[in-house]
Structures are given as C-alpha cells and as structure tokens.
Amino acid sequence: MQNRIVLHYGDGRIMKGKTGDFFPDKQWFHVTDKDTEGNTRVDVTKLKGIFFVRDYDGDSEYQEQYNGHRTGLGKKVKVLFNDGEEIIGYTPGFSPTKAGFFLFPSDPKSNTEKIFVLNAATAEITFV
C-alpha cells in the first residue's frame, strides 16, 4: 500500500511523495517523488515530521479547528516544534525514549490524516 506523504525536514525543506515502506522503528524508508517519480532513500533522523495526507495541495483557505474533541485516538497533546510551529492533536502513545510518535489532528476535516512526529524535532510536548 502506498501512502501519500509530505516530508518536513528539520532544515525547512519539504518533499511530497508516496511511500510503502515507512515503519516507526526503522531509520530509513523510501519515497517516490510526486513530481519526478524518482526514488529517494530518506533518513528519519533528518526529519521534523512525516505528514500522511489526503491530497498534496489541501485547501489553503481552510482554518484548522483545534478545540474539537475526537474519541478513540488517545490523549490530547500540544506539540511545539523546535522551529516554533505548534500542533494540537491526539496520540495513542508517546514515549520520549522512542524516535517519535503518531499524532492525529484535532480537526477531523484536516487534510492531514496523521503525523509521525520526530521527538528530536520537538521543543515541548504537553498533555492538554
């Protein structure tokens, strides 16, 4: 199964593509670039997050809603990234000893289905 993803690198770069071999406990996976169809081997430690998306463009006019409540997705958390970006969502499990964790957006209408957040790219994680 190929997942549509948007990679956010720690240095600010963004790459859009598809992957079928990402696993949270592996350091490497492969991405087929959306535009060039070229394959790239990605080192997870260079990333801020892996955004699993419904489509690549989304709706630039849409404003994410963070005050909603979703059930069955775990505990609500606020993630502050090292670059200042802040995201609120739900995680089924967080451990500071792991490379990262999955975060589901608070807004069920979000273009982002889930995010694999890299712990090294965060400044603060707060349960809300």
Protein backbone atom coordinates (compact mmCIF):
# COMPACT_ATOMS: atom_id res chain seq x y z
CA MET A 1 0.00 0.00 0.00
CA GLN A 2 1.34 3.41 -0.97
CA ASN A 3 0.76 6.26 1.49
CA ARG A 4 0.61 9.87 0.28
CA ILE A 5 3.04 11.84 2.46
CA VAL A 6 4.61 15.25 2.87
CA LEU A 7 8.02 15.19 4.49
CA HIS A 8 9.02 18.16 6.63
CA TYR A 9 12.79 18.20 7.14
CA GLY A 10 14.44 19.75 10.17
CA ASP A 11 16.15 22.31 7.90
CA GLY A 12 12.82 23.54 6.48
CA ARG A 13 12.77 21.59 3.20
CA ILE A 14 9.53 19.89 2.14
CA MET A 15 9.15 16.86 -0.14
CA LYS A 16 5.89 15.37 -1.41
CA GLY A 17 5.59 11.79 -2.49
CA LYS A 18 4.46 8.26 -1.72
CA THR A 19 5.90 5.53 0.45
CA GLY A 20 5.11 1.93 1.13
CA ASP A 21 7.92 1.03 3.49
CA PHE A 22 7.81 3.52 6.39
CA PHE A 23 7.90 1.90 9.83
CA PRO A 24 8.21 3.91 13.09
CA ASP A 25 11.06 1.75 14.38
CA LYS A 26 13.23 1.97 11.23
CA GLN A 27 15.73 4.73 10.47
CA TRP A 28 15.36 4.55 6.68
CA PHE A 29 12.49 4.36 4.21
CA HIS A 30 11.92 5.20 0.55
CA VAL A 31 9.82 7.91 -1.10
CA THR A 32 8.73 8.21 -4.71
CA ASP A 33 8.73 11.94 -5.50
CA LYS A 34 5.31 13.27 -6.54
CA ASP A 35 6.68 15.33 -9.44
CA THR A 36 9.74 13.48 -10.73
CA GLU A 37 8.72 9.87 -9.83
CA GLY A 38 12.33 9.45 -8.65
CA ASN A 39 13.02 7.29 -5.61
CA THR A 40 14.81 8.72 -2.59
CA ARG A 41 16.11 6.93 0.48
CA VAL A 42 15.09 9.04 3.49
CA ASP A 43 16.89 9.16 6.84
CA VAL A 44 14.20 9.66 9.51
CA THR A 45 16.66 11.45 11.81
CA LYS A 46 16.79 14.38 9.35
CA LEU A 47 13.04 14.94 9.56
CA LYS A 48 10.74 17.06 11.69
CA GLY A 49 7.67 15.05 10.77
CA ILE A 50 6.01 12.81 8.22
CA PHE A 51 2.56 14.13 7.32
CA PHE A 52 0.21 11.50 5.91
CA VAL A 53 -2.22 13.50 3.77
CA ARG A 54 -5.48 13.06 1.87
CA ASP A 55 -4.14 15.10 -1.06
CA TYR A 56 -0.96 17.06 -1.70
CA ASP A 57 -2.48 20.52 -2.10
CA GLY A 58 -5.14 20.68 0.59
CA ASP A 59 -7.22 23.84 0.92
CA SER A 60 -5.09 26.89 1.69
CA GLU A 61 -8.24 28.78 2.77
CA TYR A 62 -9.24 26.19 5.38
CA GLN A 63 -8.58 27.05 9.05
CA GLU A 64 -7.79 24.05 11.26
CA GLN A 65 -10.04 23.69 14.30
CA TYR A 66 -8.17 22.73 17.49
CA ASN A 67 -10.99 22.93 20.02
CA GLY A 68 -12.93 19.86 18.90
CA HIS A 69 -12.97 16.51 20.66
CA ARG A 70 -12.25 13.20 18.96
CA THR A 71 -12.65 9.84 20.65
CA GLY A 72 -10.61 6.69 20.25
CA LEU A 73 -7.38 8.42 19.20
CA GLY A 74 -5.65 8.62 22.57
CA LYS A 75 -4.65 11.58 24.71
CA LYS A 76 -4.80 15.19 23.54
CA VAL A 77 -1.38 16.84 23.26
CA LYS A 78 0.15 20.09 22.15
CA VAL A 79 3.41 19.72 20.24
CA LEU A 80 5.78 22.66 19.99
CA PHE A 81 8.45 22.04 17.35
CA ASN A 82 11.96 23.45 17.53
CA ASP A 83 11.10 25.83 14.65
CA GLY A 84 8.18 27.34 16.59
CA GLU A 85 5.33 25.53 14.83
CA GLU A 86 2.64 24.27 17.17
CA ILE A 87 0.16 21.45 16.51
CA ILE A 88 -2.60 20.12 18.74
CA GLY A 89 -3.86 16.59 18.26
CA TYR A 90 -4.24 13.15 19.76
CA THR A 91 -1.67 10.45 20.31
CA PRO A 92 -2.34 6.80 21.13
CA GLY A 93 1.09 6.58 22.73
CA PHE A 94 4.07 8.78 23.47
CA SER A 95 7.46 7.76 24.80
CA PRO A 96 10.44 10.11 24.98
CA THR A 97 12.74 7.10 24.54
CA LYS A 98 11.38 6.30 21.06
CA ALA A 99 12.28 8.10 17.83
CA GLY A 100 8.79 9.53 17.50
CA PHE A 101 5.05 9.05 17.82
CA PHE A 102 1.88 9.32 15.78
CA LEU A 103 -0.32 12.38 16.17
CA PHE A 104 -3.86 12.60 14.80
CA PRO A 105 -5.14 16.14 14.13
CA SER A 106 -7.85 17.57 16.38
CA ASP A 107 -9.84 18.54 13.31
CA PRO A 108 -11.45 15.54 11.57
CA LYS A 109 -11.75 17.67 8.39
CA SER A 110 -7.99 18.29 8.27
CA ASN A 111 -6.19 17.37 5.07
CA THR A 112 -3.65 15.65 7.33
CA GLU A 113 -4.74 12.16 8.37
CA LYS A 114 -1.88 11.65 10.83
CA ILE A 115 1.65 12.82 11.51
CA PHE A 116 4.69 10.88 12.64
CA VAL A 117 6.37 13.45 14.88
CA LEU A 118 10.12 13.07 15.50
CA ASN A 119 10.89 13.62 19.17
CA ALA A 120 14.26 15.22 18.33
CA ALA A 121 12.42 17.96 16.38
CA THR A 122 10.26 18.99 19.35
CA ALA A 123 10.90 21.65 21.95
CA GLU A 124 7.96 20.69 24.16
CA ILE A 125 5.13 18.15 24.32
CA THR A 126 2.28 18.97 26.70
CA PHE A 127 -0.78 16.87 27.50
CA VAL A 128 -3.83 19.15 27.38
